[in-house]
Amino acid sequence: MSRAPLNYAAMPGFDPDTPVPGFYKMRLRSGARYVGVRIWYGAPLDPVTGEELDRSHRWQAHADGAYIDLERVWPQCAADRISDTEYAYLLSFGQWAEQHAPAVADPFQRVDPLQSPILF
């Protein structure tokens, strides 16, 4: 069974080829937990220190606090824009899950309801 394609015609003024900076939420896999996605245009970040590098600016994305290819998340996440507060919550939930609920910690794995805590 395949998923229905996104209907961009129902979103007037939306161009799927041009990313919109901001905060979004999405699932990186069917049945997985939601992760916060941040999209921005700017200098790339050093993977070790997190400082901006002296390189040309480009569109970039973070999912669950880690770098992810922009093509992996855009335009799928465009329909679920969130506030920066909810983005911070999703990041903190992911960090909490690494220590306290390993069954839901990996955003690329399906959540097993028999092994995971109740998520509200």
PDB file of N, CA and C in Angstrom:
ATOM      1  N   MET A   1       0.847  -1.164   0.000  1.00  0.00           N
ATOM      2  CA  MET A   1       0.000   0.000   0.000  1.00  0.00           C
ATOM      3  C   MET A   1       0.896   1.230   0.000  1.00  0.00           C
ATOM      4  N   SER A   2       0.600   2.175  -0.839  1.00  0.00           N
ATOM      5  CA  SER A   2       1.414   3.388  -0.886  1.00  0.00           C
ATOM      6  C   SER A   2       0.657   4.554  -0.270  1.00  0.00           C
ATOM      7  N   ARG A   3       1.427   5.539   0.094  1.00  0.00           N
ATOM      8  CA  ARG A   3       0.860   6.723   0.717  1.00  0.00           C
ATOM      9  C   ARG A   3       0.372   7.679  -0.363  1.00  0.00           C
ATOM     10  N   ALA A   4      -0.699   8.392  -0.073  1.00  0.00           N
ATOM     11  CA  ALA A   4      -1.230   9.363  -1.022  1.00  0.00           C
ATOM     12  C   ALA A   4      -0.241  10.512  -1.183  1.00  0.00           C
ATOM     13  N   PRO A   5      -0.004  10.975  -2.410  1.00  0.00           N
ATOM     14  CA  PRO A   5       0.939  12.074  -2.606  1.00  0.00           C
ATOM     15  C   PRO A   5       0.390  13.374  -2.016  1.00  0.00           C
ATOM     16  N   LEU A   6       1.324  14.254  -1.637  1.00  0.00           N
ATOM     17  CA  LEU A   6       0.909  15.562  -1.115  1.00  0.00           C
ATOM     18  C   LEU A   6       0.275  16.377  -2.226  1.00  0.00           C
ATOM     19  N   ASN A   7      -0.793  17.075  -1.916  1.00  0.00           N
ATOM     20  CA  ASN A   7      -1.488  17.902  -2.885  1.00  0.00           C
ATOM     21  C   ASN A   7      -1.054  19.351  -2.678  1.00  0.00           C
ATOM     22  N   TYR A   8      -0.020  19.767  -3.404  1.00  0.00           N
ATOM     23  CA  TYR A   8       0.502  21.123  -3.255  1.00  0.00           C
ATOM     24  C   TYR A   8      -0.455  22.174  -3.816  1.00  0.00           C
ATOM     25  N   ALA A   9      -1.363  21.756  -4.687  1.00  0.00           N
ATOM     26  CA  ALA A   9      -2.334  22.701  -5.235  1.00  0.00           C
ATOM     27  C   ALA A   9      -3.305  23.178  -4.157  1.00  0.00           C
ATOM     28  N   ALA A  10      -3.493  22.370  -3.104  1.00  0.00           N
ATOM     29  CA  ALA A  10      -4.395  22.752  -2.013  1.00  0.00           C
ATOM     30  C   ALA A  10      -3.738  23.760  -1.077  1.00  0.00           C
ATOM     31  N   MET A  11      -2.453  24.027  -1.271  1.00  0.00           N
ATOM     32  CA  MET A  11      -1.724  24.989  -0.447  1.00  0.00           C
ATOM     33  C   MET A  11      -1.345  26.175  -1.331  1.00  0.00           C
ATOM     34  N   PRO A  12      -2.225  27.170  -1.466  1.00  0.00           N
ATOM     35  CA  PRO A  12      -1.956  28.274  -2.385  1.00  0.00           C
ATOM     36  C   PRO A  12      -0.705  29.051  -1.976  1.00  0.00           C
ATOM     37  N   GLY A  13       0.113  29.370  -2.962  1.00  0.00           N
ATOM     38  CA  GLY A  13       1.325  30.138  -2.726  1.00  0.00           C
ATOM     39  C   GLY A  13       2.492  29.311  -2.242  1.00  0.00           C
ATOM     40  N   PHE A  14       2.342  27.997  -2.128  1.00  0.00           N
ATOM     41  CA  PHE A  14       3.410  27.139  -1.633  1.00  0.00           C
ATOM     42  C   PHE A  14       4.250  26.627  -2.793  1.00  0.00           C
ATOM     43  N   ASP A  15       5.566  26.798  -2.688  1.00  0.00           N
ATOM     44  CA  ASP A  15       6.497  26.298  -3.693  1.00  0.00           C
ATOM     45  C   ASP A  15       7.344  25.199  -3.053  1.00  0.00           C
ATOM     46  N   PRO A  16       7.152  23.943  -3.439  1.00  0.00           N
ATOM     47  CA  PRO A  16       7.896  22.856  -2.789  1.00  0.00           C
ATOM     48  C   PRO A  16       9.390  22.880  -3.075  1.00  0.00           C
ATOM     49  N   ASP A  17       9.822  23.645  -4.073  1.00  0.00           N
ATOM     50  CA  ASP A  17      11.241  23.719  -4.398  1.00  0.00           C
ATOM     51  C   ASP A  17      11.995  24.743  -3.567  1.00  0.00           C
ATOM     52  N   THR A  18      11.298  25.627  -2.882  1.00  0.00           N
ATOM     53  CA  THR A  18      11.937  26.659  -2.074  1.00  0.00           C
ATOM     54  C   THR A  18      11.638  26.423  -0.610  1.00  0.00           C
ATOM     55  N   PRO A  19      12.639  26.021   0.189  1.00  0.00           N
ATOM     56  CA  PRO A  19      12.410  25.803   1.615  1.00  0.00           C
ATOM     57  C   PRO A  19      12.029  27.096   2.333  1.00  0.00           C
ATOM     58  N   VAL A  20      11.262  26.964   3.379  1.00  0.00           N
ATOM     59  CA  VAL A  20      10.856  28.092   4.214  1.00  0.00           C
ATOM     60  C   VAL A  20      11.522  27.898   5.577  1.00  0.00           C
ATOM     61  N   PRO A  21      12.349  28.855   6.015  1.00  0.00           N
ATOM     62  CA  PRO A  21      13.011  28.676   7.312  1.00  0.00           C
ATOM     63  C   PRO A  21      12.011  28.648   8.456  1.00  0.00           C
ATOM     64  N   GLY A  22      12.302  27.835   9.447  1.00  0.00           N
ATOM     65  CA  GLY A  22      11.429  27.755  10.600  1.00  0.00           C
ATOM     66  C   GLY A  22      11.540  26.416  11.287  1.00  0.00           C
ATOM     67  N   PHE A  23      10.563  26.144  12.157  1.00  0.00           N
ATOM     68  CA  PHE A  23      10.523  24.916  12.944  1.00  0.00           C
ATOM     69  C   PHE A  23       9.332  24.077  12.498  1.00  0.00           C
ATOM     70  N   TYR A  24       9.555  22.770  12.389  1.00  0.00           N
ATOM     71  CA  TYR A  24       8.532  21.847  11.926  1.00  0.00           C
ATOM     72  C   TYR A  24       8.614  20.570  12.754  1.00  0.00           C
ATOM     73  N   LYS A  25       7.594  19.720  12.630  1.00  0.00           N
ATOM     74  CA  LYS A  25       7.670  18.389  13.219  1.00  0.00           C
ATOM     75  C   LYS A  25       7.282  17.381  12.156  1.00  0.00           C
ATOM     76  N   MET A  26       7.877  16.200  12.266  1.00  0.00           N
ATOM     77  CA  MET A  26       7.565  15.132  11.329  1.00  0.00           C
ATOM     78  C   MET A  26       8.070  13.817  11.897  1.00  0.00           C
ATOM     79  N   ARG A  27       7.623  12.737  11.301  1.00  0.00           N
ATOM     80  CA  ARG A  27       8.127  11.414  11.634  1.00  0.00           C
ATOM     81  C   ARG A  27       9.141  11.037  10.561  1.00  0.00           C
ATOM     82  N   LEU A  28      10.299  10.551  10.979  1.00  0.00           N
ATOM     83  CA  LEU A  28      11.320  10.161  10.022  1.00  0.00           C
ATOM     84  C   LEU A  28      11.065   8.776   9.442  1.00  0.00           C
ATOM     85  N   ARG A  29      10.102   8.089  10.022  1.00  0.00           N
ATOM     86  CA  ARG A  29       9.686   6.779   9.533  1.00  0.00           C
ATOM     87  C   ARG A  29       8.249   6.551   9.986  1.00  0.00           C
ATOM     88  N   SER A  30       7.509   5.794   9.231  1.00  0.00           N
ATOM     89  CA  SER A  30       6.142   5.466   9.602  1.00  0.00           C
ATOM     90  C   SER A  30       6.132   4.736  10.935  1.00  0.00           C
ATOM     91  N   GLY A  31       5.319   5.215  11.868  1.00  0.00           N
ATOM     92  CA  GLY A  31       5.203   4.591  13.170  1.00  0.00           C
ATOM     93  C   GLY A  31       6.235   5.049  14.185  1.00  0.00           C
ATOM     94  N   ALA A  32       7.163   5.891  13.791  1.00  0.00           N
ATOM     95  CA  ALA A  32       8.187   6.394  14.708  1.00  0.00           C
ATOM     96  C   ALA A  32       7.637   7.612  15.462  1.00  0.00           C
ATOM     97  N   ARG A  33       8.382   8.073  16.455  1.00  0.00           N
ATOM     98  CA  ARG A  33       7.958   9.252  17.207  1.00  0.00           C
ATOM     99  C   ARG A  33       8.215  10.512  16.384  1.00  0.00           C
ATOM    100  N   TYR A  34       7.516  11.590  16.755  1.00  0.00           N
ATOM    101  CA  TYR A  34       7.731  12.882  16.106  1.00  0.00           C
ATOM    102  C   TYR A  34       9.069  13.458  16.549  1.00  0.00           C
ATOM    103  N   VAL A  35       9.742  14.116  15.620  1.00  0.00           N
ATOM    104  CA  VAL A  35      10.974  14.828  15.929  1.00  0.00           C
ATOM    105  C   VAL A  35      10.821  16.283  15.490  1.00  0.00           C
ATOM    106  N   GLY A  36      11.559  17.155  16.136  1.00  0.00           N
ATOM    107  CA  GLY A  36      11.583  18.555  15.752  1.00  0.00           C
ATOM    108  C   GLY A  36      12.555  18.758  14.602  1.00  0.00           C
ATOM    109  N   VAL A  37      12.147  19.526  13.616  1.00  0.00           N
ATOM    110  CA  VAL A  37      12.971  19.817  12.446  1.00  0.00           C
ATOM    111  C   VAL A  37      13.169  21.324  12.373  1.00  0.00           C
ATOM    112  N   ARG A  38      14.420  21.742  12.222  1.00  0.00           N
ATOM    113  CA  ARG A  38      14.743  23.159  12.061  1.00  0.00           C
ATOM    114  C   ARG A  38      15.360  23.338  10.685  1.00  0.00           C
ATOM    115  N   ILE A  39      14.825  24.284   9.914  1.00  0.00           N
ATOM    116  CA  ILE A  39      15.344  24.587   8.582  1.00  0.00           C
ATOM    117  C   ILE A  39      15.794  26.034   8.574  1.00  0.00           C
ATOM    118  N   TRP A  40      16.990  26.284   8.062  1.00  0.00           N
ATOM    119  CA  TRP A  40      17.506  27.648   7.995  1.00  0.00           C
ATOM    120  C   TRP A  40      18.472  27.792   6.836  1.00  0.00           C
ATOM    121  N   TYR A  41      18.746  29.046   6.482  1.00  0.00           N
ATOM    122  CA  TYR A  41      19.698  29.385   5.436  1.00  0.00           C
ATOM    123  C   TYR A  41      20.861  30.085   6.106  1.00  0.00           C
ATOM    124  N   GLY A  42      22.044  29.530   5.971  1.00  0.00           N
ATOM    125  CA  GLY A  42      23.194  30.146   6.606  1.00  0.00           C
ATOM    126  C   GLY A  42      24.449  29.351   6.373  1.00  0.00           C
ATOM    127  N   ALA A  43      25.504  29.773   7.071  1.00  0.00           N
ATOM    128  CA  ALA A  43      26.792  29.104   6.956  1.00  0.00           C
ATOM    129  C   ALA A  43      26.706  27.720   7.592  1.00  0.00           C
ATOM    130  N   PRO A  44      27.406  26.735   7.029  1.00  0.00           N
ATOM    131  CA  PRO A  44      27.378  25.401   7.628  1.00  0.00           C
ATOM    132  C   PRO A  44      28.062  25.406   8.992  1.00  0.00           C
ATOM    133  N   LEU A  45      27.655  24.456   9.832  1.00  0.00           N
ATOM    134  CA  LEU A  45      28.205  24.355  11.173  1.00  0.00           C
ATOM    135  C   LEU A  45      29.284  23.279  11.228  1.00  0.00           C
ATOM    136  N   ASP A  46      30.312  23.518  12.039  1.00  0.00           N
ATOM    137  CA  ASP A  46      31.362  22.540  12.260  1.00  0.00           C
ATOM    138  C   ASP A  46      30.754  21.350  13.007  1.00  0.00           C
ATOM    139  N   PRO A  47      30.935  20.116  12.508  1.00  0.00           N
ATOM    140  CA  PRO A  47      30.303  18.975  13.173  1.00  0.00           C
ATOM    141  C   PRO A  47      30.873  18.679  14.561  1.00  0.00           C
ATOM    142  N   VAL A  48      32.093  19.136  14.855  1.00  0.00           N
ATOM    143  CA  VAL A  48      32.701  18.858  16.154  1.00  0.00           C
ATOM    144  C   VAL A  48      32.366  19.941  17.175  1.00  0.00           C
ATOM    145  N   THR A  49      32.589  21.203  16.803  1.00  0.00           N
ATOM    146  CA  THR A  49      32.416  22.299  17.761  1.00  0.00           C
ATOM    147  C   THR A  49      31.064  22.980  17.664  1.00  0.00           C
ATOM    148  N   GLY A  50      30.390  22.871  16.532  1.00  0.00           N
ATOM    149  CA  GLY A  50      29.103  23.533  16.351  1.00  0.00           C
ATOM    150  C   GLY A  50      29.222  24.989  15.933  1.00  0.00           C
ATOM    151  N   GLU A  51      30.447  25.483  15.723  1.00  0.00           N
ATOM    152  CA  GLU A  51      30.656  26.870  15.295  1.00  0.00           C
ATOM    153  C   GLU A  51      30.404  26.998  13.797  1.00  0.00           C
ATOM    154  N   GLU A  52      30.044  28.215  13.385  1.00  0.00           N
ATOM    155  CA  GLU A  52      29.831  28.467  11.960  1.00  0.00           C
ATOM    156  C   GLU A  52      31.158  28.412  11.224  1.00  0.00           C
ATOM    157  N   LEU A  53      31.156  27.758  10.064  1.00  0.00           N
ATOM    158  CA  LEU A  53      32.346  27.682   9.225  1.00  0.00           C
ATOM    159  C   LEU A  53      32.343  28.831   8.228  1.00  0.00           C
ATOM    160  N   ASP A  54      33.520  29.168   7.741  1.00  0.00           N
ATOM    161  CA  ASP A  54      33.657  30.234   6.760  1.00  0.00           C
ATOM    162  C   ASP A  54      33.446  29.641   5.364  1.00  0.00           C
ATOM    163  N   ARG A  55      32.217  29.283   5.077  1.00  0.00           N
ATOM    164  CA  ARG A  55      31.851  28.691   3.796  1.00  0.00           C
ATOM    165  C   ARG A  55      30.632  29.445   3.258  1.00  0.00           C
ATOM    166  N   SER A  56      30.312  29.192   2.005  1.00  0.00           N
ATOM    167  CA  SER A  56      29.150  29.858   1.428  1.00  0.00           C
ATOM    168  C   SER A  56      27.872  29.365   2.093  1.00  0.00           C
ATOM    169  N   HIS A  57      26.914  30.271   2.198  1.00  0.00           N
ATOM    170  CA  HIS A  57      25.645  29.944   2.856  1.00  0.00           C
ATOM    171  C   HIS A  57      24.843  28.981   1.999  1.00  0.00           C
ATOM    172  N   ARG A  58      24.033  28.161   2.684  1.00  0.00           N
ATOM    173  CA  ARG A  58      23.210  27.160   2.007  1.00  0.00           C
ATOM    174  C   ARG A  58      22.014  26.809   2.892  1.00  0.00           C
ATOM    175  N   TRP A  59      21.033  26.144   2.291  1.00  0.00           N
ATOM    176  CA  TRP A  59      19.894  25.648   3.056  1.00  0.00           C
ATOM    177  C   TRP A  59      20.338  24.423   3.840  1.00  0.00           C
ATOM    178  N   GLN A  60      19.940  24.377   5.124  1.00  0.00           N
ATOM    179  CA  GLN A  60      20.341  23.282   5.994  1.00  0.00           C
ATOM    180  C   GLN A  60      19.170  22.858   6.866  1.00  0.00           C
ATOM    181  N   ALA A  61      19.304  21.668   7.432  1.00  0.00           N
ATOM    182  CA  ALA A  61      18.249  21.161   8.304  1.00  0.00           C
ATOM    183  C   ALA A  61      18.844  20.351   9.446  1.00  0.00           C
ATOM    184  N   HIS A  62      18.196  20.449  10.595  1.00  0.00           N
ATOM    185  CA  HIS A  62      18.479  19.605  11.758  1.00  0.00           C
ATOM    186  C   HIS A  62      17.202  18.856  12.094  1.00  0.00           C
ATOM    187  N   ALA A  63      17.324  17.583  12.386  1.00  0.00           N
ATOM    188  CA  ALA A  63      16.193  16.776  12.855  1.00  0.00           C
ATOM    189  C   ALA A  63      16.613  16.144  14.168  1.00  0.00           C
ATOM    190  N   ASP A  64      15.867  16.406  15.207  1.00  0.00           N
ATOM    191  CA  ASP A  64      16.151  15.893  16.540  1.00  0.00           C
ATOM    192  C   ASP A  64      17.529  16.354  17.016  1.00  0.00           C
ATOM    193  N   GLY A  65      17.913  17.572  16.606  1.00  0.00           N
ATOM    194  CA  GLY A  65      19.168  18.173  17.047  1.00  0.00           C
ATOM    195  C   GLY A  65      20.389  17.781  16.255  1.00  0.00           C
ATOM    196  N   ALA A  66      20.260  16.921  15.256  1.00  0.00           N
ATOM    197  CA  ALA A  66      21.399  16.468  14.460  1.00  0.00           C
ATOM    198  C   ALA A  66      21.187  16.850  12.995  1.00  0.00           C
ATOM    199  N   TYR A  67      22.303  17.051  12.288  1.00  0.00           N
ATOM    200  CA  TYR A  67      22.225  17.405  10.874  1.00  0.00           C
ATOM    201  C   TYR A  67      21.549  16.282  10.089  1.00  0.00           C
ATOM    202  N   ILE A  68      20.705  16.685   9.144  1.00  0.00           N
ATOM    203  CA  ILE A  68      20.052  15.747   8.227  1.00  0.00           C
ATOM    204  C   ILE A  68      19.970  16.425   6.873  1.00  0.00           C
ATOM    205  N   ASP A  69      20.034  15.644   5.804  1.00  0.00           N
ATOM    206  CA  ASP A  69      19.939  16.221   4.462  1.00  0.00           C
ATOM    207  C   ASP A  69      18.603  16.921   4.304  1.00  0.00           C
ATOM    208  N   LEU A  70      18.642  18.105   3.736  1.00  0.00           N
ATOM    209  CA  LEU A  70      17.416  18.885   3.543  1.00  0.00           C
ATOM    210  C   LEU A  70      16.405  18.133   2.683  1.00  0.00           C
ATOM    211  N   GLU A  71      16.887  17.407   1.699  1.00  0.00           N
ATOM    212  CA  GLU A  71      15.985  16.669   0.816  1.00  0.00           C
ATOM    213  C   GLU A  71      15.235  15.572   1.555  1.00  0.00           C
ATOM    214  N   ARG A  72      15.764  15.131   2.683  1.00  0.00           N
ATOM    215  CA  ARG A  72      15.120  14.077   3.482  1.00  0.00           C
ATOM    216  C   ARG A  72      13.876  14.588   4.194  1.00  0.00           C
ATOM    217  N   VAL A  73      13.856  15.906   4.511  1.00  0.00           N
ATOM    218  CA  VAL A  73      12.742  16.436   5.295  1.00  0.00           C
ATOM    219  C   VAL A  73      11.866  17.453   4.550  1.00  0.00           C
ATOM    220  N   TRP A  74      12.423  18.147   3.562  1.00  0.00           N
ATOM    221  CA  TRP A  74      11.631  19.155   2.855  1.00  0.00           C
ATOM    222  C   TRP A  74      11.146  18.593   1.545  1.00  0.00           C
ATOM    223  N   PRO A  75       9.932  18.735   1.132  1.00  0.00           N
ATOM    224  CA  PRO A  75       8.803  19.496   1.645  1.00  0.00           C
ATOM    225  C   PRO A  75       7.844  18.686   2.512  1.00  0.00           C
ATOM    226  N   GLN A  76       8.235  17.445   2.911  1.00  0.00           N
ATOM    227  CA  GLN A  76       7.315  16.613   3.687  1.00  0.00           C
ATOM    228  C   GLN A  76       6.906  17.265   5.005  1.00  0.00           C
ATOM    229  N   CYS A  77       7.817  18.016   5.618  1.00  0.00           N
ATOM    230  CA  CYS A  77       7.514  18.603   6.925  1.00  0.00           C
ATOM    231  C   CYS A  77       6.740  19.917   6.816  1.00  0.00           C
ATOM    232  N   ALA A  78       6.560  20.445   5.628  1.00  0.00           N
ATOM    233  CA  ALA A  78       5.996  21.785   5.451  1.00  0.00           C
ATOM    234  C   ALA A  78       4.592  21.941   6.026  1.00  0.00           C
ATOM    235  N   ALA A  79       3.836  20.878   6.099  1.00  0.00           N
ATOM    236  CA  ALA A  79       2.451  20.968   6.572  1.00  0.00           C
ATOM    237  C   ALA A  79       2.352  21.071   8.089  1.00  0.00           C
ATOM    238  N   ASP A  80       3.427  20.758   8.818  1.00  0.00           N
ATOM    239  CA  ASP A  80       3.375  20.737  10.285  1.00  0.00           C
ATOM    240  C   ASP A  80       4.335  21.749  10.893  1.00  0.00           C
ATOM    241  N   ARG A  81       4.056  23.005  10.689  1.00  0.00           N
ATOM    242  CA  ARG A  81       4.888  24.061  11.280  1.00  0.00           C
ATOM    243  C   ARG A  81       4.567  24.168  12.772  1.00  0.00           C
ATOM    244  N   ILE A  82       5.612  24.358  13.606  1.00  0.00           N
ATOM    245  CA  ILE A  82       5.431  24.444  15.054  1.00  0.00           C
ATOM    246  C   ILE A  82       6.165  25.667  15.591  1.00  0.00           C
ATOM    247  N   SER A  83       5.922  25.972  16.860  1.00  0.00           N
ATOM    248  CA  SER A  83       6.601  27.096  17.502  1.00  0.00           C
ATOM    249  C   SER A  83       7.980  26.658  17.986  1.00  0.00           C
ATOM    250  N   ASP A  84       8.819  27.623  18.324  1.00  0.00           N
ATOM    251  CA  ASP A  84      10.144  27.287  18.842  1.00  0.00           C
ATOM    252  C   ASP A  84      10.050  26.601  20.200  1.00  0.00           C
ATOM    253  N   THR A  85       8.993  26.878  20.951  1.00  0.00           N
ATOM    254  CA  THR A  85       8.789  26.216  22.241  1.00  0.00           C
ATOM    255  C   THR A  85       8.506  24.726  22.050  1.00  0.00           C
ATOM    256  N   GLU A  86       7.644  24.396  21.088  1.00  0.00           N
ATOM    257  CA  GLU A  86       7.353  22.987  20.835  1.00  0.00           C
ATOM    258  C   GLU A  86       8.574  22.284  20.264  1.00  0.00           C
ATOM    259  N   TYR A  87       9.354  22.982  19.447  1.00  0.00           N
ATOM    260  CA  TYR A  87      10.598  22.414  18.922  1.00  0.00           C
ATOM    261  C   TYR A  87      11.550  22.070  20.072  1.00  0.00           C
ATOM    262  N   ALA A  88      11.702  22.986  21.035  1.00  0.00           N
ATOM    263  CA  ALA A  88      12.564  22.735  22.192  1.00  0.00           C
ATOM    264  C   ALA A  88      12.039  21.547  23.001  1.00  0.00           C
ATOM    265  N   TYR A  89      10.717  21.428  23.128  1.00  0.00           N
ATOM    266  CA  TYR A  89      10.130  20.292  23.839  1.00  0.00           C
ATOM    267  C   TYR A  89      10.471  18.975  23.144  1.00  0.00           C
ATOM    268  N   LEU A  90      10.330  18.923  21.806  1.00  0.00           N
ATOM    269  CA  LEU A  90      10.624  17.694  21.081  1.00  0.00           C
ATOM    270  C   LEU A  90      12.095  17.311  21.217  1.00  0.00           C
ATOM    271  N   LEU A  91      12.994  18.311  21.221  1.00  0.00           N
ATOM    272  CA  LEU A  91      14.412  18.021  21.426  1.00  0.00           C
ATOM    273  C   LEU A  91      14.662  17.474  22.817  1.00  0.00           C
ATOM    274  N   SER A  92      14.068  18.099  23.821  1.00  0.00           N
ATOM    275  CA  SER A  92      14.283  17.641  25.192  1.00  0.00           C
ATOM    276  C   SER A  92      13.664  16.258  25.415  1.00  0.00           C
ATOM    277  N   PHE A  93      12.549  15.973  24.758  1.00  0.00           N
ATOM    278  CA  PHE A  93      11.957  14.644  24.870  1.00  0.00           C
ATOM    279  C   PHE A  93      12.895  13.590  24.286  1.00  0.00           C
ATOM    280  N   GLY A  94      13.527  13.887  23.161  1.00  0.00           N
ATOM    281  CA  GLY A  94      14.475  12.946  22.566  1.00  0.00           C
ATOM    282  C   GLY A  94      15.654  12.675  23.479  1.00  0.00           C
ATOM    283  N   GLN A  95      16.160  13.722  24.142  1.00  0.00           N
ATOM    284  CA  GLN A  95      17.270  13.546  25.080  1.00  0.00           C
ATOM    285  C   GLN A  95      16.820  12.742  26.295  1.00  0.00           C
ATOM    286  N   TRP A  96      15.604  13.010  26.776  1.00  0.00           N
ATOM    287  CA  TRP A  96      15.067  12.257  27.902  1.00  0.00           C
ATOM    288  C   TRP A  96      14.907  10.788  27.538  1.00  0.00           C
ATOM    289  N   ALA A  97      14.416  10.527  26.331  1.00  0.00           N
ATOM    290  CA  ALA A  97      14.151   9.154  25.900  1.00  0.00           C
ATOM    291  C   ALA A  97      15.442   8.338  25.798  1.00  0.00           C
ATOM    292  N   GLU A  98      16.562   8.973  25.450  1.00  0.00           N
ATOM    293  CA  GLU A  98      17.826   8.243  25.373  1.00  0.00           C
ATOM    294  C   GLU A  98      18.190   7.618  26.717  1.00  0.00           C
ATOM    295  N   GLN A  99      17.878   8.290  27.807  1.00  0.00           N
ATOM    296  CA  GLN A  99      18.228   7.794  29.137  1.00  0.00           C
ATOM    297  C   GLN A  99      17.130   6.949  29.766  1.00  0.00           C
ATOM    298  N   HIS A 100      15.880   7.318  29.554  1.00  0.00           N
ATOM    299  CA  HIS A 100      14.790   6.720  30.318  1.00  0.00           C
ATOM    300  C   HIS A 100      13.844   5.830  29.522  1.00  0.00           C
ATOM    301  N   ALA A 101      13.809   5.955  28.225  1.00  0.00           N
ATOM    302  CA  ALA A 101      12.889   5.158  27.408  1.00  0.00           C
ATOM    303  C   ALA A 101      13.561   4.776  26.086  1.00  0.00           C
ATOM    304  N   PRO A 102      14.543   3.877  26.133  1.00  0.00           N
ATOM    305  CA  PRO A 102      15.270   3.541  24.909  1.00  0.00           C
ATOM    306  C   PRO A 102      14.392   2.964  23.800  1.00  0.00           C
ATOM    307  N   ALA A 103      13.217   2.473  24.131  1.00  0.00           N
ATOM    308  CA  ALA A 103      12.324   1.920  23.105  1.00  0.00           C
ATOM    309  C   ALA A 103      11.811   2.993  22.154  1.00  0.00           C
ATOM    310  N   VAL A 104      11.806   4.246  22.580  1.00  0.00           N
ATOM    311  CA  VAL A 104      11.334   5.327  21.710  1.00  0.00           C
ATOM    312  C   VAL A 104      12.443   6.321  21.367  1.00  0.00           C
ATOM    313  N   ALA A 105      13.676   6.056  21.792  1.00  0.00           N
ATOM    314  CA  ALA A 105      14.755   7.025  21.608  1.00  0.00           C
ATOM    315  C   ALA A 105      15.173   7.177  20.151  1.00  0.00           C
ATOM    316  N   ASP A 106      15.233   6.101  19.397  1.00  0.00           N
ATOM    317  CA  ASP A 106      15.703   6.166  18.010  1.00  0.00           C
ATOM    318  C   ASP A 106      14.589   6.682  17.105  1.00  0.00           C
ATOM    319  N   PRO A 107      14.774   7.863  16.476  1.00  0.00           N
ATOM    320  CA  PRO A 107      13.706   8.421  15.643  1.00  0.00           C
ATOM    321  C   PRO A 107      13.514   7.694  14.315  1.00  0.00           C
ATOM    322  N   PHE A 108      14.418   6.748  13.992  1.00  0.00           N
ATOM    323  CA  PHE A 108      14.295   5.996  12.748  1.00  0.00           C
ATOM    324  C   PHE A 108      13.676   4.619  12.948  1.00  0.00           C
ATOM    325  N   GLN A 109      13.244   4.310  14.178  1.00  0.00           N
ATOM    326  CA  GLN A 109      12.640   3.017  14.472  1.00  0.00           C
ATOM    327  C   GLN A 109      11.165   3.184  14.832  1.00  0.00           C
ATOM    328  N   ARG A 110      10.376   2.202  14.489  1.00  0.00           N
ATOM    329  CA  ARG A 110       8.972   2.208  14.880  1.00  0.00           C
ATOM    330  C   ARG A 110       8.855   2.080  16.389  1.00  0.00           C
ATOM    331  N   VAL A 111       7.850   2.703  16.951  1.00  0.00           N
ATOM    332  CA  VAL A 111       7.598   2.613  18.384  1.00  0.00           C
ATOM    333  C   VAL A 111       6.743   1.383  18.640  1.00  0.00           C
ATOM    334  N   ASP A 112       7.224   0.520  19.507  1.00  0.00           N
ATOM    335  CA  ASP A 112       6.472  -0.670  19.897  1.00  0.00           C
ATOM    336  C   ASP A 112       5.636  -0.303  21.114  1.00  0.00           C
ATOM    337  N   PRO A 113       4.317  -0.249  21.012  1.00  0.00           N
ATOM    338  CA  PRO A 113       3.498   0.180  22.131  1.00  0.00           C
ATOM    339  C   PRO A 113       3.580  -0.735  23.366  1.00  0.00           C
ATOM    340  N   LEU A 114       4.031  -1.973  23.161  1.00  0.00           N
ATOM    341  CA  LEU A 114       4.153  -2.883  24.294  1.00  0.00           C
ATOM    342  C   LEU A 114       5.461  -2.670  25.057  1.00  0.00           C
ATOM    343  N   GLN A 115       6.434  -2.005  24.447  1.00  0.00           N
ATOM    344  CA  GLN A 115       7.723  -1.779  25.087  1.00  0.00           C
ATOM    345  C   GLN A 115       7.964  -0.336  25.477  1.00  0.00           C
ATOM    346  N   SER A 116       7.112   0.588  25.056  1.00  0.00           N
ATOM    347  CA  SER A 116       7.358   2.003  25.292  1.00  0.00           C
ATOM    348  C   SER A 116       6.417   2.554  26.350  1.00  0.00           C
ATOM    349  N   PRO A 117       6.822   3.660  26.977  1.00  0.00           N
ATOM    350  CA  PRO A 117       5.921   4.289  27.947  1.00  0.00           C
ATOM    351  C   PRO A 117       4.754   4.968  27.214  1.00  0.00           C
ATOM    352  N   ILE A 118       3.738   5.302  27.950  1.00  0.00           N
ATOM    353  CA  ILE A 118       2.597   6.002  27.366  1.00  0.00           C
ATOM    354  C   ILE A 118       3.020   7.431  27.052  1.00  0.00           C
ATOM    355  N   LEU A 119       2.845   7.826  25.810  1.00  0.00           N
ATOM    356  CA  LEU A 119       3.239   9.171  25.371  1.00  0.00           C
ATOM    357  C   LEU A 119       1.997  10.034  25.232  1.00  0.00           C
ATOM    358  N   PHE A 120       1.990  11.161  25.872  1.00  0.00           N
ATOM    359  CA  PHE A 120       0.849  12.064  25.804  1.00  0.00           C
ATOM    360  C   PHE A 120       1.137  13.202  24.880  1.00  0.00           C
TER     361      PHE A 120
END
